[in-house]
Protein backbone atom coordinates (compact mmCIF):
# COMPACT_ATOMS: atom_id res chain seq x y z
CA MET A 1 -33.96 52.91 155.65
CA GLU A 2 -33.88 55.16 158.67
CA THR A 3 -31.02 56.85 160.48
CA GLN A 4 -30.75 59.37 163.30
CA ARG A 5 -28.58 62.45 163.73
CA LEU A 6 -27.96 64.53 166.84
CA VAL A 7 -27.69 68.27 166.16
CA LEU A 8 -24.46 69.47 167.80
CA PRO A 9 -23.02 72.99 168.29
CA GLU A 10 -20.80 72.67 165.19
CA ASP A 11 -23.94 72.10 163.08
CA LEU A 12 -25.41 75.51 163.96
CA ASN A 13 -25.26 78.90 162.27
CA HIS A 14 -24.53 82.19 164.05
CA LEU A 15 -28.17 82.43 165.19
CA GLY A 16 -28.14 78.99 166.84
CA PHE A 17 -30.14 77.13 164.19
CA LEU A 18 -29.12 74.12 162.12
CA PHE A 19 -27.35 75.06 158.89
CA GLY A 20 -29.58 74.12 155.96
CA GLY A 21 -26.59 72.81 154.03
CA ARG A 22 -25.70 70.48 156.87
CA LEU A 23 -29.16 68.93 156.76
CA LEU A 24 -28.94 68.57 152.98
CA ALA A 25 -25.61 66.76 153.34
CA TRP A 26 -27.11 64.38 155.93
CA VAL A 27 -30.11 63.70 153.67
CA ASP A 28 -27.85 63.07 150.66
CA GLU A 29 -25.63 60.73 152.69
CA ALA A 30 -28.57 58.77 154.14
CA CYS A 31 -30.17 58.30 150.72
CA TRP A 32 -26.85 57.39 149.10
CA ILE A 33 -26.42 54.67 151.74
CA ALA A 34 -29.98 53.41 151.06
CA ALA A 35 -29.29 53.30 147.30
CA SER A 36 -25.95 51.56 147.83
CA LEU A 37 -27.60 48.92 150.01
CA ASP A 38 -30.42 48.42 147.47
CA PHE A 39 -27.95 48.18 144.57
CA PRO A 40 -24.61 47.08 146.09
CA HIS A 41 -22.86 46.63 142.74
CA CYS A 42 -23.48 50.27 141.67
CA GLN A 43 -21.45 53.44 142.08
CA PHE A 44 -23.96 56.24 142.59
CA VAL A 45 -23.68 59.98 142.19
CA THR A 46 -26.36 62.50 143.14
CA ILE A 47 -28.01 64.11 140.13
CA GLY A 48 -30.90 65.93 141.73
CA MET A 49 -32.84 66.94 144.77
CA ASP A 50 -36.27 68.40 144.21
CA LYS A 51 -37.93 71.10 146.27
CA VAL A 52 -35.79 72.23 149.19
CA GLU A 53 -38.02 73.85 151.80
CA PHE A 54 -37.27 73.85 155.52
CA ARG A 55 -40.59 73.84 157.37
CA HIS A 56 -39.25 74.44 160.91
CA SER A 57 -36.04 75.64 162.48
CA VAL A 58 -33.90 73.11 164.33
CA ARG A 59 -31.94 73.79 167.51
CA GLN A 60 -28.98 72.13 169.21
CA GLY A 61 -29.82 68.84 170.91
CA THR A 62 -32.58 67.90 168.48
CA ILE A 63 -32.52 64.25 167.45
CA LEU A 64 -33.44 64.00 163.80
CA SER A 65 -34.79 60.90 162.13
CA ILE A 66 -34.01 60.71 158.40
CA ARG A 67 -36.25 58.24 156.55
CA CYS A 68 -35.42 57.24 152.97
CA GLU A 69 -37.60 55.05 150.79
CA LYS A 70 -37.10 54.09 147.15
CA TYR A 71 -39.95 55.43 145.03
CA HIS A 72 -38.49 55.11 141.53
CA GLU A 73 -36.20 52.71 139.70
CA GLY A 74 -35.12 53.49 136.16
CA ARG A 75 -32.60 51.88 133.84
CA THR A 76 -29.64 53.87 135.20
CA SER A 77 -31.17 55.81 138.08
CA ALA A 78 -32.99 55.39 141.37
CA GLY A 79 -35.06 57.92 143.29
CA TYR A 80 -35.67 58.15 147.03
CA SER A 81 -38.30 60.04 148.97
CA VAL A 82 -37.11 61.52 152.25
CA GLU A 83 -38.75 62.70 155.46
CA VAL A 84 -36.84 64.36 158.28
CA LEU A 85 -38.62 64.23 161.63
CA ASP A 86 -37.98 65.49 165.15
CA ARG A 87 -37.50 62.18 166.94
CA ARG A 88 -38.56 63.59 170.32
CA ASN A 89 -41.78 65.02 168.95
CA PRO A 90 -43.69 62.02 167.57
CA GLY A 91 -46.73 62.84 165.52
CA SER A 92 -45.45 66.27 164.51
CA PRO A 93 -45.24 67.03 160.79
CA PRO A 94 -41.91 66.48 159.02
CA LEU A 95 -39.31 69.23 159.35
CA PHE A 96 -38.19 68.60 155.78
CA THR A 97 -39.20 66.43 152.82
CA THR A 98 -37.68 65.98 149.37
CA HIS A 99 -36.87 63.50 146.62
CA VAL A 100 -33.26 62.63 145.79
CA THR A 101 -32.20 61.02 142.51
CA TYR A 102 -29.00 59.06 141.93
CA VAL A 103 -27.47 57.75 138.73
CA SER A 104 -25.23 54.71 138.49
CA VAL A 105 -21.88 55.44 136.82
CA ASP A 106 -18.83 53.48 135.73
CA ASP A 107 -15.23 54.35 136.63
CA GLU A 108 -15.13 57.00 133.88
CA GLY A 109 -18.34 58.66 135.10
CA ARG A 110 -20.56 57.33 132.29
CA LYS A 111 -24.07 56.14 133.10
CA ARG A 112 -24.48 52.43 133.48
CA PRO A 113 -27.51 50.22 134.13
CA ILE A 114 -28.40 49.48 137.73
CA ARG A 115 -29.57 45.93 136.95
């Protein structure tokens, strides 16, 4: 799954760069949507995000492409690899990469199988 985000003034810190937490929220949301489309009967919660390293700063007006792809399926969990790219700079290395893991839960928050 792929989605785009436009970096707006409200997404910036006091130095004019994208807040790291804002990008993490966008990544989490995009992957959660991918997981929910792959497993529509599941209720997912985020249980982990591996290495968080921002490779380049991001300024206002940047169009980000967030690409999520399932790389792992367990009994109660699913993992997604993520790349965040500068849409206007094709061929450039990703600005950010990570893996996000979700677990399927019931209404009481207990793990439940995804299949």
